[in-house]
């Protein structure tokens, strides 16, 4: 099994592939994940793990391209009640 690909995220929102020594796009990262590779994204300045944030960006960008992710009423509930709604949903149904 391949090790996780380590990416560095810089303050200018650029992502850097530490294996290939190149800057990459969210599409590039999405394709790597589709190929079955795991990633870890570290903030270049603080070394904080920001993987979840990047994965969320990828999901939202894909939804934006297709102009659909979740129905409006559910999005309103998420904003209104915060993460409690999501965590309860995932605990119950996933």
C-alpha atoms as a PDB file:
ATOM      1  CA  UNK A   1       0.000   0.000   0.000  1.00  0.00           C
ATOM      2  CA  UNK A   2       1.294   3.424  -0.950  1.00  0.00           C
ATOM      3  CA  UNK A   3       2.010   5.936   1.764  1.00  0.00           C
ATOM      4  CA  UNK A   4      -0.132   9.028   1.971  1.00  0.00           C
ATOM      5  CA  UNK A   5       0.819  11.786  -0.394  1.00  0.00           C
ATOM      6  CA  UNK A   6       1.891  14.778   1.673  1.00  0.00           C
ATOM      7  CA  UNK A   7       0.778  18.137   0.346  1.00  0.00           C
ATOM      8  CA  UNK A   8       1.710  21.507   1.786  1.00  0.00           C
ATOM      9  CA  UNK A   9      -0.825  24.337   1.765  1.00  0.00           C
ATOM     10  CA  UNK A  10       0.573  27.822   1.558  1.00  0.00           C
ATOM     11  CA  UNK A  11      -1.111  31.056   2.633  1.00  0.00           C
ATOM     12  CA  UNK A  12      -1.743  32.011  -0.997  1.00  0.00           C
ATOM     13  CA  UNK A  13      -3.998  28.883  -1.155  1.00  0.00           C
ATOM     14  CA  UNK A  14      -1.506  27.032  -3.318  1.00  0.00           C
ATOM     15  CA  UNK A  15      -0.977  23.331  -2.762  1.00  0.00           C
ATOM     16  CA  UNK A  16       2.463  21.767  -3.159  1.00  0.00           C
ATOM     17  CA  UNK A  17       3.049  18.076  -3.946  1.00  0.00           C
ATOM     18  CA  UNK A  18       6.088  17.117  -1.874  1.00  0.00           C
ATOM     19  CA  UNK A  19       6.793  13.967  -3.919  1.00  0.00           C
ATOM     20  CA  UNK A  20       6.918  15.619  -7.335  1.00  0.00           C
ATOM     21  CA  UNK A  21       8.024  19.051  -6.093  1.00  0.00           C
ATOM     22  CA  UNK A  22       5.290  20.857  -8.014  1.00  0.00           C
ATOM     23  CA  UNK A  23       2.359  23.112  -7.242  1.00  0.00           C
ATOM     24  CA  UNK A  24      -0.977  21.393  -7.853  1.00  0.00           C
ATOM     25  CA  UNK A  25      -4.665  22.221  -8.227  1.00  0.00           C
ATOM     26  CA  UNK A  26      -7.705  20.866  -6.433  1.00  0.00           C
ATOM     27  CA  UNK A  27      -8.545  18.930  -9.609  1.00  0.00           C
ATOM     28  CA  UNK A  28      -5.133  17.270  -9.451  1.00  0.00           C
ATOM     29  CA  UNK A  29      -5.750  16.272  -5.832  1.00  0.00           C
ATOM     30  CA  UNK A  30      -9.247  14.981  -6.655  1.00  0.00           C
ATOM     31  CA  UNK A  31      -7.807  12.801  -9.418  1.00  0.00           C
ATOM     32  CA  UNK A  32      -5.194  11.361  -7.059  1.00  0.00           C
ATOM     33  CA  UNK A  33      -7.953  10.469  -4.599  1.00  0.00           C
ATOM     34  CA  UNK A  34     -10.069   8.913  -7.380  1.00  0.00           C
ATOM     35  CA  UNK A  35      -7.074   6.715  -8.197  1.00  0.00           C
ATOM     36  CA  UNK A  36      -7.263   5.408  -4.635  1.00  0.00           C
ATOM     37  CA  UNK A  37      -4.436   7.359  -3.047  1.00  0.00           C
ATOM     38  CA  UNK A  38      -4.756   8.888   0.413  1.00  0.00           C
ATOM     39  CA  UNK A  39      -3.510  12.417   1.074  1.00  0.00           C
ATOM     40  CA  UNK A  40      -2.468  14.497   4.045  1.00  0.00           C
ATOM     41  CA  UNK A  41      -2.426  18.266   3.725  1.00  0.00           C
ATOM     42  CA  UNK A  42      -0.293  20.252   6.128  1.00  0.00           C
ATOM     43  CA  UNK A  43      -0.314  24.016   6.554  1.00  0.00           C
ATOM     44  CA  UNK A  44       3.172  25.103   5.474  1.00  0.00           C
ATOM     45  CA  UNK A  45       3.457  27.738   8.192  1.00  0.00           C
ATOM     46  CA  UNK A  46       1.896  26.057  11.247  1.00  0.00           C
ATOM     47  CA  UNK A  47       2.226  22.393  10.218  1.00  0.00           C
ATOM     48  CA  UNK A  48      -1.447  21.975  11.190  1.00  0.00           C
ATOM     49  CA  UNK A  49      -3.331  19.156   9.455  1.00  0.00           C
ATOM     50  CA  UNK A  50      -5.825  20.839   7.112  1.00  0.00           C
ATOM     51  CA  UNK A  51      -6.779  17.728   5.140  1.00  0.00           C
ATOM     52  CA  UNK A  52     -10.482  17.897   6.051  1.00  0.00           C
ATOM     53  CA  UNK A  53     -10.665  21.488   4.856  1.00  0.00           C
ATOM     54  CA  UNK A  54      -9.129  20.620   1.481  1.00  0.00           C
ATOM     55  CA  UNK A  55     -11.371  17.570   1.054  1.00  0.00           C
ATOM     56  CA  UNK A  56     -14.390  19.753   1.815  1.00  0.00           C
ATOM     57  CA  UNK A  57     -13.209  22.282  -0.777  1.00  0.00           C
ATOM     58  CA  UNK A  58     -12.958  19.509  -3.359  1.00  0.00           C
ATOM     59  CA  UNK A  59     -16.491  18.284  -2.619  1.00  0.00           C
ATOM     60  CA  UNK A  60     -17.898  21.821  -2.805  1.00  0.00           C
ATOM     61  CA  UNK A  61     -16.029  22.582  -6.016  1.00  0.00           C
ATOM     62  CA  UNK A  62     -17.374  19.408  -7.625  1.00  0.00           C
ATOM     63  CA  UNK A  63     -20.882  20.355  -6.492  1.00  0.00           C
ATOM     64  CA  UNK A  64     -20.466  23.863  -7.882  1.00  0.00           C
ATOM     65  CA  UNK A  65     -19.472  22.456 -11.270  1.00  0.00           C
ATOM     66  CA  UNK A  66     -22.570  20.264 -11.312  1.00  0.00           C
ATOM     67  CA  UNK A  67     -24.687  22.984  -9.669  1.00  0.00           C
ATOM     68  CA  UNK A  68     -25.995  20.630  -6.986  1.00  0.00           C
ATOM     69  CA  UNK A  69     -24.865  19.213  -3.698  1.00  0.00           C
ATOM     70  CA  UNK A  70     -27.585  19.219  -1.086  1.00  0.00           C
ATOM     71  CA  UNK A  71     -31.153  20.504  -1.215  1.00  0.00           C
ATOM     72  CA  UNK A  72     -31.656  24.071  -0.014  1.00  0.00           C
ATOM     73  CA  UNK A  73     -33.775  23.135   3.061  1.00  0.00           C
ATOM     74  CA  UNK A  74     -30.991  20.888   4.360  1.00  0.00           C
ATOM     75  CA  UNK A  75     -28.386  23.588   3.784  1.00  0.00           C
ATOM     76  CA  UNK A  76     -30.548  26.043   5.757  1.00  0.00           C
ATOM     77  CA  UNK A  77     -30.756  23.552   8.641  1.00  0.00           C
ATOM     78  CA  UNK A  78     -27.008  23.021   8.646  1.00  0.00           C
ATOM     79  CA  UNK A  79     -26.395  26.766   8.834  1.00  0.00           C
ATOM     80  CA  UNK A  80     -29.116  27.305  11.418  1.00  0.00           C
ATOM     81  CA  UNK A  81     -28.160  24.487  13.777  1.00  0.00           C
ATOM     82  CA  UNK A  82     -24.488  24.127  12.989  1.00  0.00           C
ATOM     83  CA  UNK A  83     -22.470  20.967  13.117  1.00  0.00           C
ATOM     84  CA  UNK A  84     -24.877  19.246  15.543  1.00  0.00           C
ATOM     85  CA  UNK A  85     -27.233  18.486  12.668  1.00  0.00           C
ATOM     86  CA  UNK A  86     -24.471  16.927  10.598  1.00  0.00           C
ATOM     87  CA  UNK A  87     -22.950  14.886  13.392  1.00  0.00           C
ATOM     88  CA  UNK A  88     -26.360  13.521  14.420  1.00  0.00           C
ATOM     89  CA  UNK A  89     -27.162  12.693  10.801  1.00  0.00           C
ATOM     90  CA  UNK A  90     -23.900  10.816  10.277  1.00  0.00           C
ATOM     91  CA  UNK A  91     -24.202   8.971  13.578  1.00  0.00           C
ATOM     92  CA  UNK A  92     -27.740   7.812  12.737  1.00  0.00           C
ATOM     93  CA  UNK A  93     -27.541   7.058   9.047  1.00  0.00           C
ATOM     94  CA  UNK A  94     -23.938   6.405   8.038  1.00  0.00           C
END
